PDB file of N, CA and C in Angstrom:
ATOM      1  N   MET A   1      48.084   1.805  17.271  1.00  0.00           N
ATOM      2  CA  MET A   1      48.850   3.001  17.015  1.00  0.00           C
ATOM      3  C   MET A   1      48.916   3.828  18.307  1.00  0.00           C
ATOM      4  N   SER A   2      50.098   4.224  18.712  1.00  0.00           N
ATOM      5  CA  SER A   2      50.247   4.982  19.946  1.00  0.00           C
ATOM      6  C   SER A   2      50.069   6.476  19.682  1.00  0.00           C
ATOM      7  N   VAL A   3      49.656   7.157  20.743  1.00  0.00           N
ATOM      8  CA  VAL A   3      49.469   8.603  20.642  1.00  0.00           C
ATOM      9  C   VAL A   3      50.825   9.271  20.869  1.00  0.00           C
ATOM     10  N   ALA A   4      51.230  10.116  19.934  1.00  0.00           N
ATOM     11  CA  ALA A   4      52.541  10.759  19.982  1.00  0.00           C
ATOM     12  C   ALA A   4      52.490  12.021  20.836  1.00  0.00           C
ATOM     13  N   LYS A   5      53.615  12.343  21.476  1.00  0.00           N
ATOM     14  CA  LYS A   5      53.756  13.617  22.190  1.00  0.00           C
ATOM     15  C   LYS A   5      53.957  14.695  21.134  1.00  0.00           C
ATOM     16  N   MET A   6      53.179  15.772  21.234  1.00  0.00           N
ATOM     17  CA  MET A   6      53.296  16.839  20.262  1.00  0.00           C
ATOM     18  C   MET A   6      53.838  18.092  20.934  1.00  0.00           C
ATOM     19  N   HIS A   7      54.619  18.872  20.188  1.00  0.00           N
ATOM     20  CA  HIS A   7      55.196  20.099  20.718  1.00  0.00           C
ATOM     21  C   HIS A   7      54.245  21.281  20.595  1.00  0.00           C
ATOM     22  N   ILE A   8      53.097  21.052  19.956  1.00  0.00           N
ATOM     23  CA  ILE A   8      52.109  22.093  19.729  1.00  0.00           C
ATOM     24  C   ILE A   8      50.833  21.736  20.485  1.00  0.00           C
ATOM     25  N   ARG A   9      50.190  22.763  21.049  1.00  0.00           N
ATOM     26  CA  ARG A   9      48.918  22.550  21.745  1.00  0.00           C
ATOM     27  C   ARG A   9      47.877  23.517  21.218  1.00  0.00           C
ATOM     28  N   LYS A  10      46.613  23.224  21.523  1.00  0.00           N
ATOM     29  CA  LYS A  10      45.516  24.089  21.125  1.00  0.00           C
ATOM     30  C   LYS A  10      45.722  25.481  21.734  1.00  0.00           C
ATOM     31  N   GLY A  11      45.542  26.517  20.910  1.00  0.00           N
ATOM     32  CA  GLY A  11      45.684  27.889  21.379  1.00  0.00           C
ATOM     33  C   GLY A  11      47.062  28.486  21.141  1.00  0.00           C
ATOM     34  N   ASP A  12      48.060  27.663  20.784  1.00  0.00           N
ATOM     35  CA  ASP A  12      49.407  28.166  20.515  1.00  0.00           C
ATOM     36  C   ASP A  12      49.430  28.993  19.240  1.00  0.00           C
ATOM     37  N   LYS A  13      50.329  29.967  19.174  1.00  0.00           N
ATOM     38  CA  LYS A  13      50.567  30.721  17.938  1.00  0.00           C
ATOM     39  C   LYS A  13      51.738  30.047  17.234  1.00  0.00           C
ATOM     40  N   ILE A  14      51.586  29.775  15.939  1.00  0.00           N
ATOM     41  CA  ILE A  14      52.613  29.042  15.192  1.00  0.00           C
ATOM     42  C   ILE A  14      52.944  29.738  13.890  1.00  0.00           C
ATOM     43  N   GLN A  15      54.038  29.278  13.270  1.00  0.00           N
ATOM     44  CA  GLN A  15      54.435  29.721  11.932  1.00  0.00           C
ATOM     45  C   GLN A  15      54.629  28.478  11.076  1.00  0.00           C
ATOM     46  N   VAL A  16      54.140  28.528   9.839  1.00  0.00           N
ATOM     47  CA  VAL A  16      54.260  27.400   8.919  1.00  0.00           C
ATOM     48  C   VAL A  16      55.650  27.414   8.291  1.00  0.00           C
ATOM     49  N   LEU A  17      56.324  26.246   8.290  1.00  0.00           N
ATOM     50  CA  LEU A  17      57.687  26.138   7.791  1.00  0.00           C
ATOM     51  C   LEU A  17      57.771  25.722   6.326  1.00  0.00           C
ATOM     52  N   SER A  18      56.810  24.937   5.853  1.00  0.00           N
ATOM     53  CA  SER A  18      56.895  24.467   4.465  1.00  0.00           C
ATOM     54  C   SER A  18      55.508  24.283   3.870  1.00  0.00           C
ATOM     55  N   GLY A  19      55.480  24.174   2.553  1.00  0.00           N
ATOM     56  CA  GLY A  19      54.221  23.989   1.846  1.00  0.00           C
ATOM     57  C   GLY A  19      53.735  25.271   1.204  1.00  0.00           C
ATOM     58  N   LYS A  20      52.517  25.237   0.702  1.00  0.00           N
ATOM     59  CA  LYS A  20      51.980  26.382  -0.032  1.00  0.00           C
ATOM     60  C   LYS A  20      51.746  27.591   0.862  1.00  0.00           C
ATOM     61  N   ASP A  21      51.611  27.391   2.174  1.00  0.00           N
ATOM     62  CA  ASP A  21      51.371  28.479   3.109  1.00  0.00           C
ATOM     63  C   ASP A  21      52.610  28.841   3.922  1.00  0.00           C
ATOM     64  N   LYS A  22      53.796  28.550   3.380  1.00  0.00           N
ATOM     65  CA  LYS A  22      55.061  28.806   4.092  1.00  0.00           C
ATOM     66  C   LYS A  22      55.157  30.257   4.535  1.00  0.00           C
ATOM     67  N   GLY A  23      55.529  30.474   5.796  1.00  0.00           N
ATOM     68  CA  GLY A  23      55.689  31.812   6.338  1.00  0.00           C
ATOM     69  C   GLY A  23      54.457  32.366   7.022  1.00  0.00           C
ATOM     70  N   LYS A  24      53.290  31.774   6.780  1.00  0.00           N
ATOM     71  CA  LYS A  24      52.062  32.267   7.404  1.00  0.00           C
ATOM     72  C   LYS A  24      52.069  31.961   8.900  1.00  0.00           C
ATOM     73  N   LYS A  25      51.421  32.846   9.659  1.00  0.00           N
ATOM     74  CA  LYS A  25      51.292  32.660  11.098  1.00  0.00           C
ATOM     75  C   LYS A  25      49.824  32.489  11.430  1.00  0.00           C
ATOM     76  N   GLY A  26      49.534  31.746  12.475  1.00  0.00           N
ATOM     77  CA  GLY A  26      48.153  31.546  12.870  1.00  0.00           C
ATOM     78  C   GLY A  26      48.034  30.881  14.226  1.00  0.00           C
ATOM     79  N   LYS A  27      46.804  30.756  14.688  1.00  0.00           N
ATOM     80  CA  LYS A  27      46.508  30.176  15.984  1.00  0.00           C
ATOM     81  C   LYS A  27      46.012  28.742  15.770  1.00  0.00           C
ATOM     82  N   VAL A  28      46.454  27.820  16.623  1.00  0.00           N
ATOM     83  CA  VAL A  28      46.057  26.417  16.511  1.00  0.00           C
ATOM     84  C   VAL A  28      44.639  26.277  17.036  1.00  0.00           C
ATOM     85  N   LEU A  29      43.716  25.770  16.181  1.00  0.00           N
ATOM     86  CA  LEU A  29      42.332  25.571  16.568  1.00  0.00           C
ATOM     87  C   LEU A  29      42.133  24.225  17.247  1.00  0.00           C
ATOM     88  N   SER A  30      42.839  23.193  16.751  1.00  0.00           N
ATOM     89  CA  SER A  30      42.758  21.864  17.363  1.00  0.00           C
ATOM     90  C   SER A  30      43.958  21.028  16.930  1.00  0.00           C
ATOM     91  N   THR A  31      44.191  19.940  17.672  1.00  0.00           N
ATOM     92  CA  THR A  31      45.278  19.028  17.341  1.00  0.00           C
ATOM     93  C   THR A  31      44.722  17.616  17.196  1.00  0.00           C
ATOM     94  N   VAL A  32      45.382  16.806  16.376  1.00  0.00           N
ATOM     95  CA  VAL A  32      45.026  15.402  16.181  1.00  0.00           C
ATOM     96  C   VAL A  32      46.284  14.591  16.460  1.00  0.00           C
ATOM     97  N   PRO A  33      46.565  14.278  17.748  1.00  0.00           N
ATOM     98  CA  PRO A  33      47.825  13.609  18.109  1.00  0.00           C
ATOM     99  C   PRO A  33      48.016  12.251  17.430  1.00  0.00           C
ATOM    100  N   ARG A  34      46.933  11.512  17.208  1.00  0.00           N
ATOM    101  CA  ARG A  34      47.060  10.188  16.579  1.00  0.00           C
ATOM    102  C   ARG A  34      47.650  10.273  15.169  1.00  0.00           C
ATOM    103  N   LYS A  35      47.302  11.327  14.464  1.00  0.00           N
ATOM    104  CA  LYS A  35      47.788  11.516  13.088  1.00  0.00           C
ATOM    105  C   LYS A  35      48.922  12.529  13.008  1.00  0.00           C
ATOM    106  N   LYS A  36      49.311  13.118  14.146  1.00  0.00           N
ATOM    107  CA  LYS A  36      50.347  14.153  14.224  1.00  0.00           C
ATOM    108  C   LYS A  36      50.025  15.331  13.302  1.00  0.00           C
ATOM    109  N   LYS A  37      48.787  15.817  13.400  1.00  0.00           N
ATOM    110  CA  LYS A  37      48.338  16.929  12.577  1.00  0.00           C
ATOM    111  C   LYS A  37      47.745  18.028  13.457  1.00  0.00           C
ATOM    112  N   VAL A  38      47.763  19.254  12.922  1.00  0.00           N
ATOM    113  CA  VAL A  38      47.178  20.396  13.615  1.00  0.00           C
ATOM    114  C   VAL A  38      46.288  21.175  12.647  1.00  0.00           C
ATOM    115  N   LEU A  39      45.238  21.781  13.185  1.00  0.00           N
ATOM    116  CA  LEU A  39      44.338  22.607  12.404  1.00  0.00           C
ATOM    117  C   LEU A  39      44.625  24.055  12.784  1.00  0.00           C
ATOM    118  N   VAL A  40      45.051  24.854  11.799  1.00  0.00           N
ATOM    119  CA  VAL A  40      45.495  26.224  12.064  1.00  0.00           C
ATOM    120  C   VAL A  40      44.553  27.207  11.385  1.00  0.00           C
ATOM    121  N   GLU A  41      44.218  28.272  12.110  1.00  0.00           N
ATOM    122  CA  GLU A  41      43.306  29.302  11.616  1.00  0.00           C
ATOM    123  C   GLU A  41      43.897  30.020  10.402  1.00  0.00           C
ATOM    124  N   GLY A  42      43.191  29.991   9.263  1.00  0.00           N
ATOM    125  CA  GLY A  42      43.604  30.722   8.058  1.00  0.00           C
ATOM    126  C   GLY A  42      44.707  30.063   7.241  1.00  0.00           C
ATOM    127  N   VAL A  43      45.051  28.800   7.548  1.00  0.00           N
ATOM    128  CA  VAL A  43      46.135  28.104   6.847  1.00  0.00           C
ATOM    129  C   VAL A  43      45.580  26.833   6.207  1.00  0.00           C
ATOM    130  N   ASN A  44      46.093  26.486   5.038  1.00  0.00           N
ATOM    131  CA  ASN A  44      45.685  25.276   4.291  1.00  0.00           C
ATOM    132  C   ASN A  44      44.185  25.291   3.999  1.00  0.00           C
ATOM    133  N   ILE A  45      43.735  26.357   3.368  1.00  0.00           N
ATOM    134  CA  ILE A  45      42.319  26.518   3.025  1.00  0.00           C
ATOM    135  C   ILE A  45      41.971  25.617   1.843  1.00  0.00           C
ATOM    136  N   ILE A  46      40.900  24.831   2.005  1.00  0.00           N
ATOM    137  CA  ILE A  46      40.424  23.963   0.929  1.00  0.00           C
ATOM    138  C   ILE A  46      38.979  24.328   0.606  1.00  0.00           C
ATOM    139  N   LYS A  47      38.521  23.906  -0.576  1.00  0.00           N
ATOM    140  CA  LYS A  47      37.124  24.116  -0.962  1.00  0.00           C
ATOM    141  C   LYS A  47      36.410  22.792  -0.847  1.00  0.00           C
ATOM    142  N   LYS A  48      35.268  22.815  -0.166  1.00  0.00           N
ATOM    143  CA  LYS A  48      34.491  21.595   0.049  1.00  0.00           C
ATOM    144  C   LYS A  48      33.087  21.805  -0.509  1.00  0.00           C
ATOM    145  N   HIS A  49      32.628  20.847  -1.283  1.00  0.00           N
ATOM    146  CA  HIS A  49      31.284  20.924  -1.870  1.00  0.00           C
ATOM    147  C   HIS A  49      30.286  20.375  -0.849  1.00  0.00           C
ATOM    148  N   ALA A  50      29.285  21.187  -0.506  1.00  0.00           N
ATOM    149  CA  ALA A  50      28.310  20.821   0.512  1.00  0.00           C
ATOM    150  C   ALA A  50      26.929  20.703  -0.099  1.00  0.00           C
ATOM    151  N   LYS A  51      26.256  19.605   0.229  1.00  0.00           N
ATOM    152  CA  LYS A  51      24.870  19.440  -0.212  1.00  0.00           C
ATOM    153  C   LYS A  51      23.987  20.307   0.673  1.00  0.00           C
ATOM    154  N   PRO A  52      22.839  20.719   0.170  1.00  0.00           N
ATOM    155  CA  PRO A  52      21.925  21.508   1.004  1.00  0.00           C
ATOM    156  C   PRO A  52      21.452  20.682   2.214  1.00  0.00           C
ATOM    157  N   THR A  53      21.469  21.307   3.377  1.00  0.00           N
ATOM    158  CA  THR A  53      20.969  20.685   4.600  1.00  0.00           C
ATOM    159  C   THR A  53      20.036  21.682   5.280  1.00  0.00           C
ATOM    160  N   GLN A  54      19.495  21.295   6.433  1.00  0.00           N
ATOM    161  CA  GLN A  54      18.622  22.234   7.143  1.00  0.00           C
ATOM    162  C   GLN A  54      19.431  23.415   7.679  1.00  0.00           C
ATOM    163  N   LYS A  55      20.662  23.172   8.084  1.00  0.00           N
ATOM    164  CA  LYS A  55      21.515  24.258   8.575  1.00  0.00           C
ATOM    165  C   LYS A  55      21.955  25.171   7.435  1.00  0.00           C
ATOM    166  N   ILE A  56      22.343  24.569   6.290  1.00  0.00           N
ATOM    167  CA  ILE A  56      22.803  25.332   5.129  1.00  0.00           C
ATOM    168  C   ILE A  56      21.847  25.007   3.962  1.00  0.00           C
ATOM    169  N   PRO A  57      20.702  25.724   3.870  1.00  0.00           N
ATOM    170  CA  PRO A  57      19.701  25.363   2.858  1.00  0.00           C
ATOM    171  C   PRO A  57      20.152  25.548   1.407  1.00  0.00           C
ATOM    172  N   GLN A  58      21.083  26.490   1.142  1.00  0.00           N
ATOM    173  CA  GLN A  58      21.496  26.713  -0.235  1.00  0.00           C
ATOM    174  C   GLN A  58      22.623  25.776  -0.668  1.00  0.00           C
ATOM    175  N   GLY A  59      23.357  25.154   0.276  1.00  0.00           N
ATOM    176  CA  GLY A  59      24.475  24.276  -0.100  1.00  0.00           C
ATOM    177  C   GLY A  59      25.582  25.090  -0.743  1.00  0.00           C
ATOM    178  N   GLY A  60      26.309  24.482  -1.684  1.00  0.00           N
ATOM    179  CA  GLY A  60      27.328  25.226  -2.417  1.00  0.00           C
ATOM    180  C   GLY A  60      28.747  24.836  -2.039  1.00  0.00           C
ATOM    181  N   ILE A  61      29.687  25.690  -2.401  1.00  0.00           N
ATOM    182  CA  ILE A  61      31.104  25.425  -2.156  1.00  0.00           C
ATOM    183  C   ILE A  61      31.526  26.231  -0.929  1.00  0.00           C
ATOM    184  N   ARG A  62      32.051  25.529   0.075  1.00  0.00           N
ATOM    185  CA  ARG A  62      32.510  26.172   1.317  1.00  0.00           C
ATOM    186  C   ARG A  62      34.037  26.155   1.362  1.00  0.00           C
ATOM    187  N   GLU A  63      34.611  27.199   1.921  1.00  0.00           N
ATOM    188  CA  GLU A  63      36.054  27.210   2.152  1.00  0.00           C
ATOM    189  C   GLU A  63      36.283  26.941   3.627  1.00  0.00           C
ATOM    190  N   MET A  64      37.219  26.024   3.915  1.00  0.00           N
ATOM    191  CA  MET A  64      37.512  25.661   5.294  1.00  0.00           C
ATOM    192  C   MET A  64      38.959  25.259   5.460  1.00  0.00           C
ATOM    193  N   GLU A  65      39.450  25.272   6.707  1.00  0.00           N
ATOM    194  CA  GLU A  65      40.817  24.861   6.986  1.00  0.00           C
ATOM    195  C   GLU A  65      40.898  23.343   7.023  1.00  0.00           C
ATOM    196  N   ALA A  66      42.020  22.823   6.539  1.00  0.00           N
ATOM    197  CA  ALA A  66      42.307  21.397   6.605  1.00  0.00           C
ATOM    198  C   ALA A  66      43.531  21.212   7.493  1.00  0.00           C
ATOM    199  N   PRO A  67      43.653  20.056   8.163  1.00  0.00           N
ATOM    200  CA  PRO A  67      44.805  19.826   9.027  1.00  0.00           C
ATOM    201  C   PRO A  67      46.113  19.747   8.232  1.00  0.00           C
ATOM    202  N   ILE A  68      47.209  20.220   8.853  1.00  0.00           N
ATOM    203  CA  ILE A  68      48.544  20.076   8.264  1.00  0.00           C
ATOM    204  C   ILE A  68      49.413  19.316   9.254  1.00  0.00           C
ATOM    205  N   ASP A  69      50.484  18.751   8.766  1.00  0.00           N
ATOM    206  CA  ASP A  69      51.368  17.950   9.617  1.00  0.00           C
ATOM    207  C   ASP A  69      52.052  18.832  10.661  1.00  0.00           C
ATOM    208  N   ALA A  70      52.135  18.315  11.882  1.00  0.00           N
ATOM    209  CA  ALA A  70      52.728  19.083  12.988  1.00  0.00           C
ATOM    210  C   ALA A  70      54.219  19.347  12.777  1.00  0.00           C
ATOM    211  N   SER A  71      54.877  18.526  11.954  1.00  0.00           N
ATOM    212  CA  SER A  71      56.302  18.733  11.703  1.00  0.00           C
ATOM    213  C   SER A  71      56.535  19.945  10.790  1.00  0.00           C
ATOM    214  N   ASN A  72      55.494  20.441  10.146  1.00  0.00           N
ATOM    215  CA  ASN A  72      55.621  21.583   9.243  1.00  0.00           C
ATOM    216  C   ASN A  72      55.324  22.921   9.920  1.00  0.00           C
ATOM    217  N   VAL A  73      55.143  22.916  11.240  1.00  0.00           N
ATOM    218  CA  VAL A  73      54.885  24.157  11.951  1.00  0.00           C
ATOM    219  C   VAL A  73      55.870  24.305  13.111  1.00  0.00           C
ATOM    220  N   MET A  74      56.117  25.577  13.503  1.00  0.00           N
ATOM    221  CA  MET A  74      57.015  25.851  14.609  1.00  0.00           C
ATOM    222  C   MET A  74      56.323  26.827  15.554  1.00  0.00           C
ATOM    223  N   LEU A  75      56.443  26.578  16.821  1.00  0.00           N
ATOM    224  CA  LEU A  75      55.820  27.386  17.854  1.00  0.00           C
ATOM    225  C   LEU A  75      56.462  28.777  17.913  1.00  0.00           C
ATOM    226  N   ILE A  76      55.634  29.813  18.081  1.00  0.00           N
ATOM    227  CA  ILE A  76      56.143  31.166  18.272  1.00  0.00           C
ATOM    228  C   ILE A  76      56.102  31.447  19.769  1.00  0.00           C
ATOM    229  N   CYS A  77      57.254  31.791  20.325  1.00  0.00           N
ATOM    230  CA  CYS A  77      57.381  32.044  21.764  1.00  0.00           C
ATOM    231  C   CYS A  77      56.564  33.283  22.143  1.00  0.00           C
ATOM    232  N   PRO A  78      55.737  33.201  23.185  1.00  0.00           N
ATOM    233  CA  PRO A  78      54.947  34.365  23.600  1.00  0.00           C
ATOM    234  C   PRO A  78      55.790  35.524  24.135  1.00  0.00           C
ATOM    235  N   SER A  79      56.982  35.245  24.668  1.00  0.00           N
ATOM    236  CA  SER A  79      57.775  36.330  25.248  1.00  0.00           C
ATOM    237  C   SER A  79      58.716  36.987  24.235  1.00  0.00           C
ATOM    238  N   CYS A  80      59.411  36.202  23.392  1.00  0.00           N
ATOM    239  CA  CYS A  80      60.353  36.817  22.442  1.00  0.00           C
ATOM    240  C   CYS A  80      59.769  36.959  21.032  1.00  0.00           C
ATOM    241  N   GLN A  81      58.568  36.439  20.797  1.00  0.00           N
ATOM    242  CA  GLN A  81      57.846  36.573  19.519  1.00  0.00           C
ATOM    243  C   GLN A  81      58.613  36.028  18.326  1.00  0.00           C
ATOM    244  N   GLN A  82      59.422  34.962  18.535  1.00  0.00           N
ATOM    245  CA  GLN A  82      60.162  34.353  17.445  1.00  0.00           C
ATOM    246  C   GLN A  82      59.828  32.862  17.362  1.00  0.00           C
ATOM    247  N   PRO A  83      59.861  32.291  16.143  1.00  0.00           N
ATOM    248  CA  PRO A  83      59.658  30.835  16.015  1.00  0.00           C
ATOM    249  C   PRO A  83      60.810  30.120  16.721  1.00  0.00           C
ATOM    250  N   THR A  84      60.488  29.103  17.500  1.00  0.00           N
ATOM    251  CA  THR A  84      61.519  28.454  18.289  1.00  0.00           C
ATOM    252  C   THR A  84      61.212  26.979  18.500  1.00  0.00           C
ATOM    253  N   ARG A  85      62.274  26.224  18.765  1.00  0.00           N
ATOM    254  CA  ARG A  85      62.105  24.858  19.247  1.00  0.00           C
ATOM    255  C   ARG A  85      61.793  24.959  20.723  1.00  0.00           C
ATOM    256  N   ILE A  86      61.366  23.834  21.312  1.00  0.00           N
ATOM    257  CA  ILE A  86      61.035  23.866  22.722  1.00  0.00           C
ATOM    258  C   ILE A  86      61.883  22.865  23.497  1.00  0.00           C
ATOM    259  N   PHE A  87      61.976  23.086  24.809  1.00  0.00           N
ATOM    260  CA  PHE A  87      62.543  22.073  25.694  1.00  0.00           C
ATOM    261  C   PHE A  87      61.486  21.780  26.742  1.00  0.00           C
ATOM    262  N   ARG A  88      61.566  20.597  27.329  1.00  0.00           N
ATOM    263  CA  ARG A  88      60.636  20.219  28.379  1.00  0.00           C
ATOM    264  C   ARG A  88      61.377  20.200  29.705  1.00  0.00           C
ATOM    265  N   GLN A  89      60.709  20.675  30.755  1.00  0.00           N
ATOM    266  CA  GLN A  89      61.341  20.759  32.056  1.00  0.00           C
ATOM    267  C   GLN A  89      60.326  20.343  33.113  1.00  0.00           C
ATOM    268  N   SER A  90      60.789  19.624  34.131  1.00  0.00           N
ATOM    269  CA  SER A  90      59.930  19.248  35.252  1.00  0.00           C
ATOM    270  C   SER A  90      60.077  20.275  36.364  1.00  0.00           C
ATOM    271  N   LEU A  91      58.947  20.732  36.883  1.00  0.00           N
ATOM    272  CA  LEU A  91      58.968  21.666  37.991  1.00  0.00           C
ATOM    273  C   LEU A  91      58.995  20.902  39.322  1.00  0.00           C
ATOM    274  N   ALA A  92      59.148  21.624  40.407  1.00  0.00           N
ATOM    275  CA  ALA A  92      59.242  20.996  41.725  1.00  0.00           C
ATOM    276  C   ALA A  92      57.969  20.225  42.100  1.00  0.00           C
ATOM    277  N   ASP A  93      56.813  20.705  41.634  1.00  0.00           N
ATOM    278  CA  ASP A  93      55.545  20.022  41.953  1.00  0.00           C
ATOM    279  C   ASP A  93      55.264  18.842  41.030  1.00  0.00           C
ATOM    280  N   GLY A  94      56.206  18.496  40.142  1.00  0.00           N
ATOM    281  CA  GLY A  94      56.055  17.337  39.253  1.00  0.00           C
ATOM    282  C   GLY A  94      55.425  17.669  37.921  1.00  0.00           C
ATOM    283  N   LYS A  95      54.993  18.904  37.725  1.00  0.00           N
ATOM    284  CA  LYS A  95      54.367  19.325  36.468  1.00  0.00           C
ATOM    285  C   LYS A  95      55.438  19.526  35.404  1.00  0.00           C
ATOM    286  N   ARG A  96      55.160  19.013  34.168  1.00  0.00           N
ATOM    287  CA  ARG A  96      56.098  19.196  33.063  1.00  0.00           C
ATOM    288  C   ARG A  96      55.635  20.363  32.217  1.00  0.00           C
ATOM    289  N   VAL A  97      56.567  21.287  31.929  1.00  0.00           N
ATOM    290  CA  VAL A  97      56.247  22.478  31.156  1.00  0.00           C
ATOM    291  C   VAL A  97      57.161  22.593  29.938  1.00  0.00           C
ATOM    292  N   ARG A  98      56.718  23.404  28.960  1.00  0.00           N
ATOM    293  CA  ARG A  98      57.521  23.664  27.774  1.00  0.00           C
ATOM    294  C   ARG A  98      58.251  24.987  27.940  1.00  0.00           C
ATOM    295  N   GLY A  99      59.424  25.091  27.311  1.00  0.00           N
ATOM    296  CA  GLY A  99      60.185  26.330  27.393  1.00  0.00           C
ATOM    297  C   GLY A  99      60.760  26.682  26.029  1.00  0.00           C
ATOM    298  N   CYS A 100      61.100  27.959  25.853  1.00  0.00           N
ATOM    299  CA  CYS A 100      61.676  28.467  24.611  1.00  0.00           C
ATOM    300  C   CYS A 100      63.175  28.236  24.604  1.00  0.00           C
ATOM    301  N   LYS A 101      63.711  27.663  23.539  1.00  0.00           N
ATOM    302  CA  LYS A 101      65.153  27.427  23.444  1.00  0.00           C
ATOM    303  C   LYS A 101      65.929  28.699  23.144  1.00  0.00           C
ATOM    304  N   LYS A 102      65.270  29.736  22.582  1.00  0.00           N
ATOM    305  CA  LYS A 102      65.970  30.970  22.222  1.00  0.00           C
ATOM    306  C   LYS A 102      66.136  31.901  23.421  1.00  0.00           C
ATOM    307  N   CYS A 103      65.058  32.125  24.179  1.00  0.00           N
ATOM    308  CA  CYS A 103      65.143  33.079  25.285  1.00  0.00           C
ATOM    309  C   CYS A 103      65.144  32.405  26.650  1.00  0.00           C
ATOM    310  N   GLY A 104      64.829  31.110  26.725  1.00  0.00           N
ATOM    311  CA  GLY A 104      64.863  30.385  27.985  1.00  0.00           C
ATOM    312  C   GLY A 104      63.623  30.517  28.853  1.00  0.00           C
ATOM    313  N   GLU A 105      62.650  31.318  28.415  1.00  0.00           N
ATOM    314  CA  GLU A 105      61.423  31.516  29.179  1.00  0.00           C
ATOM    315  C   GLU A 105      60.530  30.266  29.114  1.00  0.00           C
ATOM    316  N   LEU A 106      59.764  30.036  30.184  1.00  0.00           N
ATOM    317  CA  LEU A 106      58.803  28.939  30.177  1.00  0.00           C
ATOM    318  C   LEU A 106      57.537  29.384  29.447  1.00  0.00           C
ATOM    319  N   ILE A 107      57.016  28.502  28.601  1.00  0.00           N
ATOM    320  CA  ILE A 107      55.836  28.809  27.809  1.00  0.00           C
ATOM    321  C   ILE A 107      54.573  28.489  28.605  1.00  0.00           C
ATOM    322  N   ASP A 108      54.548  27.310  29.245  1.00  0.00           N
ATOM    323  CA  ASP A 108      53.409  26.914  30.075  1.00  0.00           C
ATOM    324  C   ASP A 108      53.694  27.338  31.500  1.00  0.00           C
ATOM    325  N   LYS A 109      52.842  28.197  32.017  1.00  0.00           N
ATOM    326  CA  LYS A 109      53.073  28.657  33.387  1.00  0.00           C
ATOM    327  C   LYS A 109      51.948  28.250  34.297  1.00  0.00           C
TER     328      LYS A 109
END
């Protein structure tokens, strides 16, 4: 299985496009390129039953974020603060950066 290029990176601010959390905004905590999934802060909360361990002696039911598909989120441009698609551009030094399709600003500087 090949690793896919993703339009979202760790630390990006995103908006959820579909599902039970549609419209919510959050920060990307991590990405899983092999599965094309992202873990977003405060989105797709699930309940997980945990056995008592030394770290968590009481055990119980924990609430935590679960990964969602990267196709269900859209990047929020840092300059125009709107959800946008991205374009990729090569700079003179050979570095590839992402840019906002709405305002034209470069996202990765």
